[in-house]
């Protein structure tokens, strides 16, 4: 949509759909405690999205924890032989999550 169109009509349809699909826009005080991890090499989900989500959780006083790993593609899951994408460093998110869950009890 052109700048003049935005001035007259507001957001474009695409911007409206994106706003509705963006996780950070749906955070509230009712959002459950959230553990997140992200890799810097993820080309599908940009790390900024995860950081923005963590910020939204913080603004709503939702307990959260975020771990970032420099190396690793998108979709690593538990990063072990079970899922076929082994990354020994990223695998550490699993015990970190269990420690965090114990901590927030």
N, C-alpha and C. Protein backbone atom coordinates (compact mmCIF):
# COMPACT_ATOMS: atom_id res chain seq x y z
N UNK A 1 0.86 -1.17 0.00
CA UNK A 1 0.00 0.00 0.00
C UNK A 1 0.90 1.23 0.00
N UNK A 2 0.50 2.22 -0.75
CA UNK A 2 1.28 3.45 -0.84
C UNK A 2 1.19 4.23 0.47
N UNK A 3 2.10 5.18 0.64
CA UNK A 3 2.08 6.03 1.84
C UNK A 3 0.76 6.79 1.93
N UNK A 4 0.27 7.30 0.80
CA UNK A 4 -1.01 8.03 0.81
C UNK A 4 -2.15 7.09 1.21
N UNK A 5 -2.11 5.86 0.71
CA UNK A 5 -3.14 4.88 1.07
C UNK A 5 -3.13 4.57 2.55
N UNK A 6 -1.92 4.46 3.12
CA UNK A 6 -1.82 4.20 4.57
C UNK A 6 -2.38 5.37 5.36
N UNK A 7 -2.12 6.59 4.89
CA UNK A 7 -2.61 7.77 5.60
C UNK A 7 -4.14 7.80 5.60
N UNK A 8 -4.75 7.33 4.53
CA UNK A 8 -6.21 7.34 4.42
C UNK A 8 -6.84 6.14 5.11
N UNK A 9 -6.26 4.94 4.87
CA UNK A 9 -6.91 3.71 5.33
C UNK A 9 -6.25 3.07 6.55
N UNK A 10 -5.10 3.53 6.96
CA UNK A 10 -4.41 2.90 8.08
C UNK A 10 -3.50 1.78 7.59
N UNK A 11 -3.41 0.71 8.37
CA UNK A 11 -2.53 -0.41 8.02
C UNK A 11 -3.02 -1.13 6.78
N UNK A 12 -2.06 -1.73 6.07
CA UNK A 12 -2.42 -2.57 4.94
C UNK A 12 -2.97 -3.89 5.47
N UNK A 13 -3.63 -4.63 4.63
CA UNK A 13 -4.16 -5.94 5.02
C UNK A 13 -3.01 -6.84 5.46
N UNK A 14 -1.88 -6.80 4.75
CA UNK A 14 -0.73 -7.62 5.10
C UNK A 14 -0.21 -7.27 6.49
N UNK A 15 -0.12 -5.99 6.80
CA UNK A 15 0.36 -5.57 8.12
C UNK A 15 -0.60 -6.02 9.21
N UNK A 16 -1.88 -5.96 8.94
CA UNK A 16 -2.88 -6.39 9.91
C UNK A 16 -2.77 -7.88 10.18
N UNK A 17 -2.60 -8.68 9.13
CA UNK A 17 -2.44 -10.13 9.29
C UNK A 17 -1.17 -10.43 10.06
N UNK A 18 -0.08 -9.75 9.74
CA UNK A 18 1.18 -9.96 10.45
C UNK A 18 1.04 -9.61 11.92
N UNK A 19 0.40 -8.50 12.23
CA UNK A 19 0.19 -8.12 13.63
C UNK A 19 -0.59 -9.19 14.39
N UNK A 20 -1.60 -9.76 13.75
CA UNK A 20 -2.42 -10.78 14.40
C UNK A 20 -1.67 -12.09 14.58
N UNK A 21 -0.67 -12.35 13.72
CA UNK A 21 0.08 -13.60 13.78
C UNK A 21 1.35 -13.50 14.63
N UNK A 22 1.67 -12.32 15.12
CA UNK A 22 2.90 -12.11 15.88
C UNK A 22 2.69 -12.45 17.35
N UNK A 23 3.47 -13.42 17.83
CA UNK A 23 3.28 -13.94 19.19
C UNK A 23 3.34 -12.87 20.26
N UNK A 24 4.26 -11.92 20.14
CA UNK A 24 4.41 -10.90 21.18
C UNK A 24 3.14 -10.09 21.39
N UNK A 25 2.31 -10.01 20.36
CA UNK A 25 1.07 -9.24 20.46
C UNK A 25 -0.04 -9.96 21.21
N UNK A 26 0.21 -11.19 21.61
CA UNK A 26 -0.81 -11.98 22.31
C UNK A 26 -0.41 -12.31 23.75
N UNK A 27 0.65 -11.69 24.23
CA UNK A 27 1.10 -11.92 25.60
C UNK A 27 0.22 -11.13 26.56
N UNK A 28 -0.14 -11.78 27.66
CA UNK A 28 -0.90 -11.10 28.72
C UNK A 28 -0.43 -11.67 30.06
N UNK A 29 -0.99 -11.16 31.13
CA UNK A 29 -0.65 -11.69 32.45
C UNK A 29 -1.11 -13.14 32.60
N UNK A 30 -1.94 -13.62 31.68
CA UNK A 30 -2.41 -15.01 31.70
C UNK A 30 -1.54 -15.95 30.88
N UNK A 31 -0.52 -15.42 30.23
CA UNK A 31 0.40 -16.26 29.47
C UNK A 31 1.18 -17.12 30.46
N UNK A 32 1.32 -18.42 30.19
CA UNK A 32 2.04 -19.28 31.14
C UNK A 32 3.54 -18.98 31.15
N UNK A 33 4.22 -19.36 32.23
CA UNK A 33 5.68 -19.23 32.25
C UNK A 33 6.26 -19.87 30.98
N UNK A 34 7.28 -19.24 30.45
CA UNK A 34 7.77 -19.63 29.12
C UNK A 34 9.28 -19.82 29.12
N UNK A 35 9.71 -20.99 28.66
CA UNK A 35 11.12 -21.28 28.45
C UNK A 35 11.36 -21.24 26.94
N UNK A 36 12.38 -20.51 26.53
CA UNK A 36 12.68 -20.38 25.11
C UNK A 36 14.15 -20.62 24.86
N UNK A 37 14.45 -21.11 23.68
CA UNK A 37 15.84 -21.15 23.22
C UNK A 37 15.83 -20.86 21.73
N UNK A 38 16.94 -20.33 21.27
CA UNK A 38 17.02 -19.92 19.87
C UNK A 38 18.47 -20.05 19.41
N UNK A 39 18.64 -20.26 18.12
CA UNK A 39 20.00 -20.29 17.57
C UNK A 39 20.21 -19.09 16.65
N UNK A 40 21.42 -18.60 16.65
CA UNK A 40 21.75 -17.44 15.83
C UNK A 40 21.76 -17.74 14.34
N UNK A 41 21.89 -19.00 13.96
CA UNK A 41 21.92 -19.36 12.54
C UNK A 41 20.54 -19.72 11.99
N UNK A 42 19.52 -19.63 12.80
CA UNK A 42 18.15 -19.93 12.35
C UNK A 42 17.75 -18.92 11.29
N UNK A 43 17.50 -19.40 10.09
CA UNK A 43 17.13 -18.51 8.98
C UNK A 43 15.62 -18.43 8.79
N UNK A 44 14.86 -19.22 9.53
CA UNK A 44 13.41 -19.21 9.39
C UNK A 44 12.74 -18.27 10.39
N UNK A 45 13.21 -18.32 11.64
CA UNK A 45 12.69 -17.43 12.68
C UNK A 45 13.85 -16.56 13.15
N UNK A 46 13.73 -15.28 12.97
CA UNK A 46 14.81 -14.37 13.36
C UNK A 46 14.85 -14.23 14.88
N UNK A 47 16.06 -14.16 15.41
CA UNK A 47 16.24 -14.07 16.86
C UNK A 47 15.55 -12.83 17.43
N UNK A 48 15.41 -11.78 16.65
CA UNK A 48 14.73 -10.58 17.12
C UNK A 48 13.30 -10.90 17.55
N UNK A 49 12.64 -11.82 16.84
CA UNK A 49 11.27 -12.20 17.22
C UNK A 49 11.24 -12.82 18.61
N UNK A 50 12.22 -13.66 18.91
CA UNK A 50 12.28 -14.30 20.22
C UNK A 50 12.60 -13.27 21.29
N UNK A 51 13.51 -12.36 21.00
CA UNK A 51 13.84 -11.30 21.96
C UNK A 51 12.63 -10.39 22.21
N UNK A 52 11.90 -10.07 21.16
CA UNK A 52 10.69 -9.25 21.32
C UNK A 52 9.65 -9.98 22.16
N UNK A 53 9.52 -11.29 21.97
CA UNK A 53 8.58 -12.09 22.76
C UNK A 53 8.99 -12.09 24.23
N UNK A 54 10.29 -12.28 24.49
CA UNK A 54 10.78 -12.24 25.87
C UNK A 54 10.50 -10.89 26.50
N UNK A 55 10.70 -9.82 25.75
CA UNK A 55 10.42 -8.48 26.26
C UNK A 55 8.94 -8.32 26.61
N UNK A 56 8.06 -8.84 25.76
CA UNK A 56 6.62 -8.76 26.04
C UNK A 56 6.27 -9.55 27.29
N UNK A 57 6.90 -10.71 27.47
CA UNK A 57 6.67 -11.49 28.69
C UNK A 57 7.10 -10.70 29.92
N UNK A 58 8.26 -10.07 29.83
CA UNK A 58 8.77 -9.26 30.95
C UNK A 58 7.82 -8.11 31.27
N UNK A 59 7.31 -7.45 30.25
CA UNK A 59 6.40 -6.32 30.46
C UNK A 59 5.10 -6.75 31.14
N UNK A 60 4.73 -8.02 30.99
CA UNK A 60 3.49 -8.52 31.60
C UNK A 60 3.77 -9.36 32.85
N UNK A 61 5.01 -9.29 33.35
CA UNK A 61 5.40 -10.01 34.57
C UNK A 61 5.19 -11.51 34.48
N UNK A 62 5.41 -12.06 33.30
CA UNK A 62 5.32 -13.50 33.10
C UNK A 62 6.71 -14.09 33.29
N UNK A 63 6.86 -15.12 34.14
CA UNK A 63 8.17 -15.75 34.29
C UNK A 63 8.66 -16.31 32.95
N UNK A 64 9.93 -16.07 32.64
CA UNK A 64 10.48 -16.55 31.38
C UNK A 64 11.97 -16.80 31.52
N UNK A 65 12.48 -17.61 30.61
CA UNK A 65 13.92 -17.82 30.51
C UNK A 65 14.24 -18.03 29.03
N UNK A 66 15.34 -17.45 28.60
CA UNK A 66 15.75 -17.54 27.20
C UNK A 66 17.22 -17.89 27.12
N UNK A 67 17.53 -18.89 26.31
CA UNK A 67 18.92 -19.27 26.04
C UNK A 67 19.16 -19.15 24.55
N UNK A 68 20.27 -18.53 24.20
CA UNK A 68 20.62 -18.41 22.78
C UNK A 68 21.92 -19.17 22.53
N UNK A 69 21.96 -19.82 21.39
CA UNK A 69 23.12 -20.59 20.97
C UNK A 69 23.55 -20.04 19.61
N UNK A 70 24.82 -19.75 19.48
CA UNK A 70 25.30 -19.13 18.23
C UNK A 70 25.10 -20.05 17.02
N UNK A 71 25.46 -21.31 17.15
CA UNK A 71 25.39 -22.25 16.02
C UNK A 71 24.13 -23.10 16.10
N UNK A 72 23.61 -23.42 14.93
CA UNK A 72 22.48 -24.35 14.86
C UNK A 72 21.38 -23.86 13.95
N UNK A 73 20.87 -24.78 13.15
CA UNK A 73 19.79 -24.48 12.22
C UNK A 73 18.44 -24.47 12.92
N UNK A 74 17.41 -24.06 12.18
CA UNK A 74 16.03 -24.11 12.66
C UNK A 74 15.59 -25.58 12.75
N UNK A 75 14.75 -25.88 13.71
CA UNK A 75 14.14 -27.21 13.79
C UNK A 75 15.01 -28.27 14.42
N UNK A 76 15.88 -27.90 15.34
CA UNK A 76 16.77 -28.88 15.97
C UNK A 76 16.05 -29.77 16.98
N UNK A 77 14.92 -29.37 17.47
CA UNK A 77 14.18 -30.12 18.49
C UNK A 77 15.10 -30.34 19.70
N UNK A 78 15.32 -31.60 20.09
CA UNK A 78 16.20 -31.85 21.23
C UNK A 78 17.67 -32.00 20.81
N UNK A 79 17.94 -31.83 19.52
CA UNK A 79 19.30 -31.79 18.96
C UNK A 79 20.09 -33.07 19.23
N UNK A 80 19.42 -34.20 19.19
CA UNK A 80 20.08 -35.48 19.45
C UNK A 80 19.82 -36.46 18.31
N UNK A 81 20.38 -37.66 18.44
CA UNK A 81 20.17 -38.70 17.43
C UNK A 81 18.69 -39.04 17.28
N UNK A 82 17.92 -38.86 18.33
CA UNK A 82 16.48 -39.16 18.28
C UNK A 82 15.80 -38.38 17.16
N UNK A 83 16.20 -37.14 16.99
CA UNK A 83 15.56 -36.29 15.98
C UNK A 83 16.38 -36.15 14.71
N UNK A 84 17.58 -36.72 14.70
CA UNK A 84 18.39 -36.73 13.49
C UNK A 84 19.27 -35.52 13.27
N UNK A 85 19.15 -34.51 14.08
CA UNK A 85 20.01 -33.33 13.96
C UNK A 85 20.77 -33.17 15.27
N UNK A 86 21.99 -33.67 15.29
CA UNK A 86 22.78 -33.67 16.52
C UNK A 86 23.55 -32.35 16.64
N UNK A 87 23.42 -31.73 17.79
CA UNK A 87 24.20 -30.54 18.14
C UNK A 87 24.40 -30.61 19.65
N UNK A 88 25.57 -31.10 20.05
CA UNK A 88 25.84 -31.36 21.47
C UNK A 88 25.68 -30.12 22.33
N UNK A 89 26.05 -28.98 21.82
CA UNK A 89 25.93 -27.75 22.61
C UNK A 89 24.47 -27.36 22.81
N UNK A 90 23.70 -27.39 21.73
CA UNK A 90 22.29 -27.00 21.81
C UNK A 90 21.49 -27.99 22.65
N UNK A 91 21.91 -29.26 22.70
CA UNK A 91 21.23 -30.26 23.54
C UNK A 91 21.09 -29.82 24.99
N UNK A 92 21.94 -28.93 25.40
CA UNK A 92 21.94 -28.49 26.81
C UNK A 92 20.66 -27.75 27.19
N UNK A 93 19.84 -27.36 26.19
CA UNK A 93 18.60 -26.66 26.53
C UNK A 93 17.66 -27.56 27.32
N UNK A 94 17.73 -28.86 27.11
CA UNK A 94 16.80 -29.77 27.79
C UNK A 94 17.04 -29.77 29.30
N UNK A 95 18.26 -30.04 29.79
CA UNK A 95 18.46 -29.98 31.24
C UNK A 95 18.27 -28.57 31.81
N UNK A 96 18.62 -27.55 31.02
CA UNK A 96 18.39 -26.17 31.48
C UNK A 96 16.90 -25.92 31.71
N UNK A 97 16.07 -26.45 30.82
CA UNK A 97 14.62 -26.28 30.97
C UNK A 97 14.12 -26.97 32.24
N UNK A 98 14.59 -28.21 32.48
CA UNK A 98 14.14 -28.92 33.68
C UNK A 98 14.59 -28.19 34.95
N UNK A 99 15.80 -27.65 34.95
CA UNK A 99 16.26 -26.86 36.10
C UNK A 99 15.36 -25.65 36.31
N UNK A 100 15.04 -24.97 35.23
CA UNK A 100 14.18 -23.77 35.30
C UNK A 100 12.80 -24.14 35.81
N UNK A 101 12.24 -25.23 35.33
CA UNK A 101 10.91 -25.65 35.80
C UNK A 101 10.92 -25.93 37.30
N UNK A 102 11.99 -26.54 37.79
CA UNK A 102 12.11 -26.76 39.24
C UNK A 102 12.19 -25.43 39.98
N UNK A 103 12.89 -24.49 39.40
CA UNK A 103 13.10 -23.20 40.03
C UNK A 103 11.82 -22.37 40.15
N UNK A 104 10.92 -22.50 39.19
CA UNK A 104 9.71 -21.66 39.21
C UNK A 104 8.54 -22.30 39.95
N UNK A 105 8.73 -23.50 40.48
CA UNK A 105 7.64 -24.16 41.23
C UNK A 105 7.14 -23.29 42.35
